[in-house]
């Protein structure tokens, strides 16, 4: 597989690296990332990252917040035209590495829909184990 690199997304929603091919959908997601930071805070390395191969964005991944009570939650999304190529697994793996390099004993968690889906495979490959359902308020 081609090397997937995570590029920090700055507080203003711009990638930390120049020369990345930013199209309409990617631009909109970066704008939403800036709004996400307004709600959750911006404290490196507990931020969002643009996954790229070369200069091409392939997805986005994030820590949903800074660690709390010894754990941190990750989220990841591969752009539809890049799905099924292992990019989500690689982005999630790199988030786990970032977390463990910051806090060796941190517990990394992730949420997924109950129905079987691609995210289940990503989490299984990375050694996650389902622990139960969470009831989210409507």
Protein backbone atom coordinates (compact mmCIF):
# COMPACT_ATOMS: atom_id res chain seq x y z
CA UNK A 1 0.00 0.00 0.00
CA UNK A 2 1.10 3.55 -0.71
CA UNK A 3 2.29 5.50 2.32
CA UNK A 4 -0.53 7.28 4.15
CA UNK A 5 0.57 10.38 6.00
CA UNK A 6 -1.39 12.33 8.61
CA UNK A 7 -1.24 16.12 8.26
CA UNK A 8 -2.32 18.22 11.26
CA UNK A 9 -5.35 20.41 10.65
CA UNK A 10 -4.77 23.81 12.22
CA UNK A 11 -7.24 25.71 14.38
CA UNK A 12 -8.40 27.69 11.31
CA UNK A 13 -9.20 24.47 9.42
CA UNK A 14 -6.22 24.60 7.09
CA UNK A 15 -3.81 21.68 6.75
CA UNK A 16 -0.38 22.26 8.28
CA UNK A 17 1.26 21.31 4.97
CA UNK A 18 0.94 23.27 1.73
CA UNK A 19 0.57 21.74 -1.72
CA UNK A 20 -2.34 19.43 -0.85
CA UNK A 21 -5.08 19.07 -3.47
CA UNK A 22 -8.06 20.65 -1.69
CA UNK A 23 -11.30 20.09 -3.63
CA UNK A 24 -14.85 21.13 -2.73
CA UNK A 25 -15.73 18.26 -0.37
CA UNK A 26 -12.37 18.39 1.37
CA UNK A 27 -12.62 22.17 1.75
CA UNK A 28 -16.05 21.81 3.37
CA UNK A 29 -14.79 19.14 5.80
CA UNK A 30 -11.84 21.33 6.76
CA UNK A 31 -14.23 24.22 7.46
CA UNK A 32 -16.32 21.92 9.68
CA UNK A 33 -13.13 20.83 11.46
CA UNK A 34 -12.54 24.44 12.49
CA UNK A 35 -16.08 24.53 13.95
CA UNK A 36 -15.37 21.20 15.70
CA UNK A 37 -12.35 22.82 17.41
CA UNK A 38 -14.56 25.68 18.62
CA UNK A 39 -16.73 23.12 20.44
CA UNK A 40 -14.06 20.70 21.69
CA UNK A 41 -10.90 22.79 21.96
CA UNK A 42 -7.59 22.66 20.13
CA UNK A 43 -4.74 21.01 22.00
CA UNK A 44 -2.08 19.19 20.01
CA UNK A 45 -1.77 16.30 19.45
CA UNK A 46 -5.46 15.72 20.36
CA UNK A 47 -6.71 17.27 17.13
CA UNK A 48 -7.89 16.28 13.65
CA UNK A 49 -5.67 15.11 10.82
CA UNK A 50 -6.05 14.97 7.07
CA UNK A 51 -4.97 11.64 5.65
CA UNK A 52 -3.02 12.07 2.43
CA UNK A 53 -1.20 9.92 -0.07
CA UNK A 54 1.27 12.18 -1.78
CA UNK A 55 -0.69 15.42 -2.14
CA UNK A 56 -4.09 13.71 -2.46
CA UNK A 57 -6.49 13.72 0.53
CA UNK A 58 -7.93 10.25 1.22
CA UNK A 59 -9.80 10.90 4.47
CA UNK A 60 -9.82 12.55 7.85
CA UNK A 61 -9.30 11.23 11.36
CA UNK A 62 -9.56 12.80 14.78
CA UNK A 63 -9.32 12.54 18.47
CA UNK A 64 -12.82 13.49 19.59
CA UNK A 65 -11.34 15.43 22.52
CA UNK A 66 -8.31 15.51 24.77
CA UNK A 67 -7.95 12.44 27.00
CA UNK A 68 -10.26 12.13 29.99
CA UNK A 69 -9.93 9.63 32.81
CA UNK A 70 -7.05 7.86 31.06
CA UNK A 71 -8.83 7.32 27.76
CA UNK A 72 -9.29 9.01 24.42
CA UNK A 73 -11.77 8.36 21.62
CA UNK A 74 -10.83 8.24 17.95
CA UNK A 75 -12.91 8.70 14.81
CA UNK A 76 -11.98 8.26 11.15
CA UNK A 77 -13.55 8.71 7.73
CA UNK A 78 -12.32 7.70 4.30
CA UNK A 79 -13.60 9.69 1.32
CA UNK A 80 -16.05 7.54 -0.68
CA UNK A 81 -13.81 7.17 -3.75
CA UNK A 82 -10.99 5.89 -1.49
CA UNK A 83 -12.94 3.30 0.53
CA UNK A 84 -11.91 -0.34 0.68
CA UNK A 85 -8.21 0.33 0.23
CA UNK A 86 -7.04 0.12 3.86
CA UNK A 87 -6.76 3.87 4.42
CA UNK A 88 -9.18 3.98 7.37
CA UNK A 89 -7.22 1.23 9.12
CA UNK A 90 -3.95 3.05 8.52
CA UNK A 91 -5.29 6.41 9.74
CA UNK A 92 -6.75 4.83 12.88
CA UNK A 93 -3.49 2.95 13.51
CA UNK A 94 -1.54 6.19 13.32
CA UNK A 95 -3.93 7.88 15.76
CA UNK A 96 -3.35 5.03 18.20
CA UNK A 97 0.42 5.48 17.80
CA UNK A 98 0.12 9.21 18.51
CA UNK A 99 -1.94 8.53 21.65
CA UNK A 100 0.44 5.84 22.94
CA UNK A 101 3.49 8.04 22.29
CA UNK A 102 1.91 10.77 24.42
CA UNK A 103 0.57 8.55 27.21
CA UNK A 104 1.86 4.98 27.20
CA UNK A 105 -1.01 3.53 29.24
CA UNK A 106 -3.84 5.46 27.62
CA UNK A 107 -6.95 3.51 26.66
CA UNK A 108 -8.01 4.25 23.07
CA UNK A 109 -11.70 3.75 22.32
CA UNK A 110 -13.93 4.09 19.26
CA UNK A 111 -17.64 3.89 18.57
CA UNK A 112 -19.30 2.19 15.63
CA UNK A 113 -22.83 1.42 14.57
CA UNK A 114 -24.25 -1.84 15.89
CA UNK A 115 -24.97 -3.27 12.43
CA UNK A 116 -21.92 -4.91 10.82
CA UNK A 117 -20.00 -2.45 8.67
CA UNK A 118 -16.55 -1.56 7.37
CA UNK A 119 -15.65 0.21 10.61
CA UNK A 120 -16.08 -3.06 12.50
CA UNK A 121 -13.39 -4.60 10.28
CA UNK A 122 -11.06 -1.65 10.88
CA UNK A 123 -11.46 -1.92 14.64
CA UNK A 124 -11.09 -5.71 14.60
CA UNK A 125 -7.83 -5.47 12.58
CA UNK A 126 -6.50 -3.04 15.18
CA UNK A 127 -7.33 -5.29 18.12
CA UNK A 128 -10.42 -3.52 19.46
CA UNK A 129 -13.08 -5.60 21.19
CA UNK A 130 -16.76 -4.66 21.34
CA UNK A 131 -17.90 -3.95 24.89
CA UNK A 132 -21.58 -3.15 24.39
CA UNK A 133 -24.08 -0.68 23.11
CA UNK A 134 -24.32 2.97 24.06
CA UNK A 135 -27.68 4.69 24.16
CA UNK A 136 -27.32 8.18 22.67
CA UNK A 137 -29.94 10.79 23.50
CA UNK A 138 -32.12 11.81 20.56
